[in-house]
Amino acid sequence: MTEKPVAELSFEEAMTELEKVVTQLERGDVALEQSIALYERGAALKALCARKLKDAEEKVELIRAAEGKAVGTTPVEGM
């Protein structure tokens, strides 16, 4: 089985794979070299997910700005 390059994964694919990596590492029953490889892949998957989430947040902010709504703030109840 050939792993798909991290850069080609969708957010959902990366999250699913990241969950599998974490599960394997938490079990602790993999060899040291495999653990290192899993950790490296997990770090790359985490970075991809963070980047995709940031991109999505920026798009939402642009949409909100275009609608004339406040950008980058959260309404506080009672204020």
PDB file of N, CA and C in Angstrom:
ATOM      1  N   MET A   1       0.846  -1.192   0.000  1.00  0.00           N
ATOM      2  CA  MET A   1       0.000   0.000   0.000  1.00  0.00           C
ATOM      3  C   MET A   1       0.887   1.250   0.000  1.00  0.00           C
ATOM      4  N   THR A   2       0.692   2.107  -0.976  1.00  0.00           N
ATOM      5  CA  THR A   2       1.460   3.338  -1.084  1.00  0.00           C
ATOM      6  C   THR A   2       0.671   4.464  -0.435  1.00  0.00           C
ATOM      7  N   GLU A   3       1.354   5.189   0.450  1.00  0.00           N
ATOM      8  CA  GLU A   3       0.689   6.312   1.100  1.00  0.00           C
ATOM      9  C   GLU A   3       0.598   7.469   0.122  1.00  0.00           C
ATOM     10  N   LYS A   4      -0.556   8.095   0.104  1.00  0.00           N
ATOM     11  CA  LYS A   4      -0.758   9.278  -0.718  1.00  0.00           C
ATOM     12  C   LYS A   4       0.063  10.414  -0.105  1.00  0.00           C
ATOM     13  N   PRO A   5       0.728  11.222  -0.918  1.00  0.00           N
ATOM     14  CA  PRO A   5       1.473  12.359  -0.365  1.00  0.00           C
ATOM     15  C   PRO A   5       0.542  13.265   0.457  1.00  0.00           C
ATOM     16  N   VAL A   6       1.037  13.736   1.570  1.00  0.00           N
ATOM     17  CA  VAL A   6       0.238  14.565   2.480  1.00  0.00           C
ATOM     18  C   VAL A   6      -0.372  15.755   1.750  1.00  0.00           C
ATOM     19  N   ALA A   7       0.394  16.399   0.887  1.00  0.00           N
ATOM     20  CA  ALA A   7      -0.078  17.597   0.188  1.00  0.00           C
ATOM     21  C   ALA A   7      -1.290  17.325  -0.702  1.00  0.00           C
ATOM     22  N   GLU A   8      -1.515  16.070  -1.076  1.00  0.00           N
ATOM     23  CA  GLU A   8      -2.631  15.720  -1.954  1.00  0.00           C
ATOM     24  C   GLU A   8      -3.891  15.308  -1.202  1.00  0.00           C
ATOM     25  N   LEU A   9      -3.828  15.263   0.113  1.00  0.00           N
ATOM     26  CA  LEU A   9      -4.968  14.828   0.915  1.00  0.00           C
ATOM     27  C   LEU A   9      -5.962  15.960   1.145  1.00  0.00           C
ATOM     28  N   SER A  10      -7.226  15.604   1.202  1.00  0.00           N
ATOM     29  CA  SER A  10      -8.245  16.569   1.620  1.00  0.00           C
ATOM     30  C   SER A  10      -8.153  16.710   3.134  1.00  0.00           C
ATOM     31  N   PHE A  11      -8.829  17.696   3.670  1.00  0.00           N
ATOM     32  CA  PHE A  11      -8.847  17.889   5.121  1.00  0.00           C
ATOM     33  C   PHE A  11      -9.377  16.635   5.807  1.00  0.00           C
ATOM     34  N   GLU A  12     -10.471  16.098   5.282  1.00  0.00           N
ATOM     35  CA  GLU A  12     -11.100  14.925   5.896  1.00  0.00           C
ATOM     36  C   GLU A  12     -10.189  13.696   5.842  1.00  0.00           C
ATOM     37  N   GLU A  13      -9.522  13.507   4.715  1.00  0.00           N
ATOM     38  CA  GLU A  13      -8.591  12.383   4.590  1.00  0.00           C
ATOM     39  C   GLU A  13      -7.437  12.534   5.576  1.00  0.00           C
ATOM     40  N   ALA A  14      -6.910  13.746   5.694  1.00  0.00           N
ATOM     41  CA  ALA A  14      -5.795  13.999   6.602  1.00  0.00           C
ATOM     42  C   ALA A  14      -6.205  13.773   8.050  1.00  0.00           C
ATOM     43  N   MET A  15      -7.396  14.221   8.424  1.00  0.00           N
ATOM     44  CA  MET A  15      -7.867  14.019   9.795  1.00  0.00           C
ATOM     45  C   MET A  15      -8.035  12.539  10.111  1.00  0.00           C
ATOM     46  N   THR A  16      -8.613  11.795   9.184  1.00  0.00           N
ATOM     47  CA  THR A  16      -8.812  10.358   9.385  1.00  0.00           C
ATOM     48  C   THR A  16      -7.466   9.662   9.558  1.00  0.00           C
ATOM     49  N   GLU A  17      -6.516  10.001   8.689  1.00  0.00           N
ATOM     50  CA  GLU A  17      -5.196   9.378   8.784  1.00  0.00           C
ATOM     51  C   GLU A  17      -4.484   9.794  10.061  1.00  0.00           C
ATOM     52  N   LEU A  18      -4.625  11.056  10.446  1.00  0.00           N
ATOM     53  CA  LEU A  18      -3.998  11.538  11.676  1.00  0.00           C
ATOM     54  C   LEU A  18      -4.538  10.783  12.890  1.00  0.00           C
ATOM     55  N   GLU A  19      -5.843  10.538  12.912  1.00  0.00           N
ATOM     56  CA  GLU A  19      -6.433   9.767  14.013  1.00  0.00           C
ATOM     57  C   GLU A  19      -5.839   8.362  14.070  1.00  0.00           C
ATOM     58  N   LYS A  20      -5.622   7.736  12.906  1.00  0.00           N
ATOM     59  CA  LYS A  20      -5.027   6.400  12.862  1.00  0.00           C
ATOM     60  C   LYS A  20      -3.588   6.422  13.361  1.00  0.00           C
ATOM     61  N   VAL A  21      -2.839   7.451  12.974  1.00  0.00           N
ATOM     62  CA  VAL A  21      -1.449   7.590  13.415  1.00  0.00           C
ATOM     63  C   VAL A  21      -1.395   7.728  14.930  1.00  0.00           C
ATOM     64  N   VAL A  22      -2.243   8.579  15.476  1.00  0.00           N
ATOM     65  CA  VAL A  22      -2.269   8.794  16.922  1.00  0.00           C
ATOM     66  C   VAL A  22      -2.610   7.498  17.648  1.00  0.00           C
ATOM     67  N   THR A  23      -3.591   6.760  17.137  1.00  0.00           N
ATOM     68  CA  THR A  23      -3.981   5.491  17.754  1.00  0.00           C
ATOM     69  C   THR A  23      -2.807   4.515  17.774  1.00  0.00           C
ATOM     70  N   GLN A  24      -2.100   4.414  16.652  1.00  0.00           N
ATOM     71  CA  GLN A  24      -0.950   3.510  16.587  1.00  0.00           C
ATOM     72  C   GLN A  24       0.139   3.922  17.571  1.00  0.00           C
ATOM     73  N   LEU A  25       0.416   5.210  17.641  1.00  0.00           N
ATOM     74  CA  LEU A  25       1.452   5.685  18.554  1.00  0.00           C
ATOM     75  C   LEU A  25       1.042   5.486  20.013  1.00  0.00           C
ATOM     76  N   GLU A  26      -0.236   5.699  20.319  1.00  0.00           N
ATOM     77  CA  GLU A  26      -0.709   5.525  21.692  1.00  0.00           C
ATOM     78  C   GLU A  26      -0.644   4.066  22.132  1.00  0.00           C
ATOM     79  N   ARG A  27      -0.875   3.138  21.193  1.00  0.00           N
ATOM     80  CA  ARG A  27      -0.802   1.712  21.535  1.00  0.00           C
ATOM     81  C   ARG A  27       0.608   1.335  21.968  1.00  0.00           C
ATOM     82  N   GLY A  28       1.592   1.955  21.334  1.00  0.00           N
ATOM     83  CA  GLY A  28       2.976   1.723  21.718  1.00  0.00           C
ATOM     84  C   GLY A  28       3.534   0.374  21.307  1.00  0.00           C
ATOM     85  N   ASP A  29       2.882  -0.289  20.385  1.00  0.00           N
ATOM     86  CA  ASP A  29       3.353  -1.622  19.997  1.00  0.00           C
ATOM     87  C   ASP A  29       4.037  -1.634  18.627  1.00  0.00           C
ATOM     88  N   VAL A  30       4.564  -0.489  18.212  1.00  0.00           N
ATOM     89  CA  VAL A  30       5.284  -0.411  16.944  1.00  0.00           C
ATOM     90  C   VAL A  30       6.769  -0.210  17.237  1.00  0.00           C
ATOM     91  N   ALA A  31       7.605  -0.679  16.319  1.00  0.00           N
ATOM     92  CA  ALA A  31       9.047  -0.540  16.477  1.00  0.00           C
ATOM     93  C   ALA A  31       9.451   0.929  16.487  1.00  0.00           C
ATOM     94  N   LEU A  32      10.606   1.205  17.052  1.00  0.00           N
ATOM     95  CA  LEU A  32      11.088   2.578  17.189  1.00  0.00           C
ATOM     96  C   LEU A  32      11.148   3.290  15.845  1.00  0.00           C
ATOM     97  N   GLU A  33      11.737   2.662  14.836  1.00  0.00           N
ATOM     98  CA  GLU A  33      11.851   3.304  13.519  1.00  0.00           C
ATOM     99  C   GLU A  33      10.471   3.606  12.935  1.00  0.00           C
ATOM    100  N   GLN A  34       9.539   2.678  13.113  1.00  0.00           N
ATOM    101  CA  GLN A  34       8.178   2.904  12.614  1.00  0.00           C
ATOM    102  C   GLN A  34       7.511   4.024  13.406  1.00  0.00           C
ATOM    103  N   SER A  35       7.760   4.085  14.699  1.00  0.00           N
ATOM    104  CA  SER A  35       7.203   5.161  15.529  1.00  0.00           C
ATOM    105  C   SER A  35       7.687   6.522  15.056  1.00  0.00           C
ATOM    106  N   ILE A  36       8.968   6.603  14.708  1.00  0.00           N
ATOM    107  CA  ILE A  36       9.526   7.865  14.224  1.00  0.00           C
ATOM    108  C   ILE A  36       8.874   8.249  12.902  1.00  0.00           C
ATOM    109  N   ALA A  37       8.726   7.286  12.006  1.00  0.00           N
ATOM    110  CA  ALA A  37       8.094   7.552  10.710  1.00  0.00           C
ATOM    111  C   ALA A  37       6.642   7.978  10.903  1.00  0.00           C
ATOM    112  N   LEU A  38       5.940   7.304  11.814  1.00  0.00           N
ATOM    113  CA  LEU A  38       4.550   7.670  12.095  1.00  0.00           C
ATOM    114  C   LEU A  38       4.464   9.078  12.664  1.00  0.00           C
ATOM    115  N   TYR A  39       5.376   9.409  13.581  1.00  0.00           N
ATOM    116  CA  TYR A  39       5.376  10.733  14.186  1.00  0.00           C
ATOM    117  C   TYR A  39       5.620  11.809  13.128  1.00  0.00           C
ATOM    118  N   GLU A  40       6.570  11.556  12.226  1.00  0.00           N
ATOM    119  CA  GLU A  40       6.852  12.527  11.164  1.00  0.00           C
ATOM    120  C   GLU A  40       5.636  12.717  10.268  1.00  0.00           C
ATOM    121  N   ARG A  41       4.983  11.620   9.890  1.00  0.00           N
ATOM    122  CA  ARG A  41       3.787  11.707   9.052  1.00  0.00           C
ATOM    123  C   ARG A  41       2.686  12.442   9.815  1.00  0.00           C
ATOM    124  N   GLY A  42       2.531  12.124  11.084  1.00  0.00           N
ATOM    125  CA  GLY A  42       1.518  12.790  11.900  1.00  0.00           C
ATOM    126  C   GLY A  42       1.746  14.288  11.987  1.00  0.00           C
ATOM    127  N   ALA A  43       2.994  14.693  12.135  1.00  0.00           N
ATOM    128  CA  ALA A  43       3.314  16.124  12.202  1.00  0.00           C
ATOM    129  C   ALA A  43       2.960  16.812  10.880  1.00  0.00           C
ATOM    130  N   ALA A  44       3.245  16.144   9.768  1.00  0.00           N
ATOM    131  CA  ALA A  44       2.913  16.713   8.454  1.00  0.00           C
ATOM    132  C   ALA A  44       1.396  16.785   8.273  1.00  0.00           C
ATOM    133  N   LEU A  45       0.688  15.757   8.723  1.00  0.00           N
ATOM    134  CA  LEU A  45      -0.776  15.751   8.630  1.00  0.00           C
ATOM    135  C   LEU A  45      -1.380  16.872   9.479  1.00  0.00           C
ATOM    136  N   LYS A  46      -0.850  17.051  10.685  1.00  0.00           N
ATOM    137  CA  LYS A  46      -1.342  18.110  11.572  1.00  0.00           C
ATOM    138  C   LYS A  46      -1.129  19.485  10.947  1.00  0.00           C
ATOM    139  N   ALA A  47       0.039  19.689  10.359  1.00  0.00           N
ATOM    140  CA  ALA A  47       0.334  20.970   9.717  1.00  0.00           C
ATOM    141  C   ALA A  47      -0.609  21.223   8.544  1.00  0.00           C
ATOM    142  N   LEU A  48      -0.891  20.187   7.763  1.00  0.00           N
ATOM    143  CA  LEU A  48      -1.815  20.327   6.637  1.00  0.00           C
ATOM    144  C   LEU A  48      -3.212  20.701   7.139  1.00  0.00           C
ATOM    145  N   CYS A  49      -3.682  20.011   8.168  1.00  0.00           N
ATOM    146  CA  CYS A  49      -5.016  20.305   8.711  1.00  0.00           C
ATOM    147  C   CYS A  49      -5.084  21.741   9.239  1.00  0.00           C
ATOM    148  N   ALA A  50      -4.058  22.159   9.951  1.00  0.00           N
ATOM    149  CA  ALA A  50      -4.032  23.525  10.487  1.00  0.00           C
ATOM    150  C   ALA A  50      -4.065  24.546   9.358  1.00  0.00           C
ATOM    151  N   ARG A  51      -3.301  24.299   8.296  1.00  0.00           N
ATOM    152  CA  ARG A  51      -3.255  25.211   7.153  1.00  0.00           C
ATOM    153  C   ARG A  51      -4.615  25.275   6.454  1.00  0.00           C
ATOM    154  N   LYS A  52      -5.254  24.117   6.269  1.00  0.00           N
ATOM    155  CA  LYS A  52      -6.555  24.085   5.602  1.00  0.00           C
ATOM    156  C   LYS A  52      -7.626  24.779   6.453  1.00  0.00           C
ATOM    157  N   LEU A  53      -7.567  24.609   7.774  1.00  0.00           N
ATOM    158  CA  LEU A  53      -8.511  25.300   8.650  1.00  0.00           C
ATOM    159  C   LEU A  53      -8.306  26.810   8.597  1.00  0.00           C
ATOM    160  N   LYS A  54      -7.052  27.245   8.599  1.00  0.00           N
ATOM    161  CA  LYS A  54      -6.757  28.684   8.531  1.00  0.00           C
ATOM    162  C   LYS A  54      -7.263  29.261   7.213  1.00  0.00           C
ATOM    163  N   ASP A  55      -7.048  28.540   6.119  1.00  0.00           N
ATOM    164  CA  ASP A  55      -7.550  28.997   4.823  1.00  0.00           C
ATOM    165  C   ASP A  55      -9.066  29.125   4.832  1.00  0.00           C
ATOM    166  N   ALA A  56      -9.743  28.157   5.434  1.00  0.00           N
ATOM    167  CA  ALA A  56     -11.202  28.192   5.507  1.00  0.00           C
ATOM    168  C   ALA A  56     -11.673  29.376   6.353  1.00  0.00           C
ATOM    169  N   GLU A  57     -11.001  29.621   7.476  1.00  0.00           N
ATOM    170  CA  GLU A  57     -11.360  30.759   8.327  1.00  0.00           C
ATOM    171  C   GLU A  57     -11.190  32.073   7.579  1.00  0.00           C
ATOM    172  N   GLU A  58     -10.115  32.194   6.809  1.00  0.00           N
ATOM    173  CA  GLU A  58      -9.881  33.420   6.043  1.00  0.00           C
ATOM    174  C   GLU A  58     -10.973  33.621   4.992  1.00  0.00           C
ATOM    175  N   LYS A  59     -11.408  32.553   4.347  1.00  0.00           N
ATOM    176  CA  LYS A  59     -12.481  32.653   3.359  1.00  0.00           C
ATOM    177  C   LYS A  59     -13.781  33.106   4.016  1.00  0.00           C
ATOM    178  N   VAL A  60     -14.077  32.555   5.196  1.00  0.00           N
ATOM    179  CA  VAL A  60     -15.290  32.950   5.915  1.00  0.00           C
ATOM    180  C   VAL A  60     -15.216  34.424   6.299  1.00  0.00           C
ATOM    181  N   GLU A  61     -14.041  34.872   6.748  1.00  0.00           N
ATOM    182  CA  GLU A  61     -13.884  36.287   7.100  1.00  0.00           C
ATOM    183  C   GLU A  61     -14.096  37.186   5.890  1.00  0.00           C
ATOM    184  N   LEU A  62     -13.606  36.772   4.722  1.00  0.00           N
ATOM    185  CA  LEU A  62     -13.817  37.564   3.502  1.00  0.00           C
ATOM    186  C   LEU A  62     -15.295  37.629   3.145  1.00  0.00           C
ATOM    187  N   ILE A  63     -15.986  36.517   3.301  1.00  0.00           N
ATOM    188  CA  ILE A  63     -17.432  36.492   3.024  1.00  0.00           C
ATOM    189  C   ILE A  63     -18.160  37.411   3.991  1.00  0.00           C
ATOM    190  N   ARG A  64     -17.803  37.314   5.271  1.00  0.00           N
ATOM    191  CA  ARG A  64     -18.454  38.166   6.281  1.00  0.00           C
ATOM    192  C   ARG A  64     -18.164  39.642   6.008  1.00  0.00           C
ATOM    193  N   ALA A  65     -16.935  39.954   5.612  1.00  0.00           N
ATOM    194  CA  ALA A  65     -16.578  41.346   5.314  1.00  0.00           C
ATOM    195  C   ALA A  65     -17.371  41.848   4.120  1.00  0.00           C
ATOM    196  N   ALA A  66     -17.549  40.996   3.119  1.00  0.00           N
ATOM    197  CA  ALA A  66     -18.319  41.375   1.927  1.00  0.00           C
ATOM    198  C   ALA A  66     -19.783  41.618   2.273  1.00  0.00           C
ATOM    199  N   GLU A  67     -20.261  40.955   3.319  1.00  0.00           N
ATOM    200  CA  GLU A  67     -21.649  41.130   3.758  1.00  0.00           C
ATOM    201  C   GLU A  67     -21.782  42.300   4.731  1.00  0.00           C
ATOM    202  N   GLY A  68     -20.667  42.956   5.038  1.00  0.00           N
ATOM    203  CA  GLY A  68     -20.697  44.100   5.950  1.00  0.00           C
ATOM    204  C   GLY A  68     -20.743  43.713   7.410  1.00  0.00           C
ATOM    205  N   LYS A  69     -20.404  42.480   7.705  1.00  0.00           N
ATOM    206  CA  LYS A  69     -20.396  42.018   9.100  1.00  0.00           C
ATOM    207  C   LYS A  69     -18.996  42.161   9.664  1.00  0.00           C
ATOM    208  N   ALA A  70     -18.924  42.244  10.985  1.00  0.00           N
ATOM    209  CA  ALA A  70     -17.636  42.387  11.657  1.00  0.00           C
ATOM    210  C   ALA A  70     -16.754  41.192  11.346  1.00  0.00           C
ATOM    211  N   VAL A  71     -15.477  41.457  11.201  1.00  0.00           N
ATOM    212  CA  VAL A  71     -14.517  40.413  10.871  1.00  0.00           C
ATOM    213  C   VAL A  71     -13.582  40.217  12.056  1.00  0.00           C
ATOM    214  N   GLY A  72     -13.336  38.950  12.395  1.00  0.00           N
ATOM    215  CA  GLY A  72     -12.362  38.630  13.442  1.00  0.00           C
ATOM    216  C   GLY A  72     -12.842  38.923  14.854  1.00  0.00           C
ATOM    217  N   THR A  73     -14.136  39.113  15.037  1.00  0.00           N
ATOM    218  CA  THR A  73     -14.645  39.348  16.377  1.00  0.00           C
ATOM    219  C   THR A  73     -15.789  38.385  16.658  1.00  0.00           C
ATOM    220  N   THR A  74     -16.020  38.183  17.933  1.00  0.00           N
ATOM    221  CA  THR A  74     -17.134  37.352  18.367  1.00  0.00           C
ATOM    222  C   THR A  74     -18.036  38.210  19.237  1.00  0.00           C
ATOM    223  N   PRO A  75     -19.324  38.277  18.914  1.00  0.00           N
ATOM    224  CA  PRO A  75     -20.222  39.071  19.744  1.00  0.00           C
ATOM    225  C   PRO A  75     -20.258  38.566  21.178  1.00  0.00           C
ATOM    226  N   VAL A  76     -20.282  39.476  22.119  1.00  0.00           N
ATOM    227  CA  VAL A  76     -20.373  39.108  23.532  1.00  0.00           C
ATOM    228  C   VAL A  76     -21.794  39.414  23.991  1.00  0.00           C
ATOM    229  N   GLU A  77     -22.409  38.430  24.617  1.00  0.00           N
ATOM    230  CA  GLU A  77     -23.777  38.589  25.083  1.00  0.00           C
ATOM    231  C   GLU A  77     -23.852  39.692  26.140  1.00  0.00           C
ATOM    232  N   GLY A  78     -24.828  40.566  25.980  1.00  0.00           N
ATOM    233  CA  GLY A  78     -25.019  41.637  26.953  1.00  0.00           C
ATOM    234  C   GLY A  78     -24.176  42.874  26.704  1.00  0.00           C
ATOM    235  N   MET A  79     -23.451  42.906  25.643  1.00  0.00           N
ATOM    236  CA  MET A  79     -22.627  44.080  25.351  1.00  0.00           C
ATOM    237  C   MET A  79     -23.128  44.794  24.149  1.00  0.00           C
TER     238      MET A  79
END
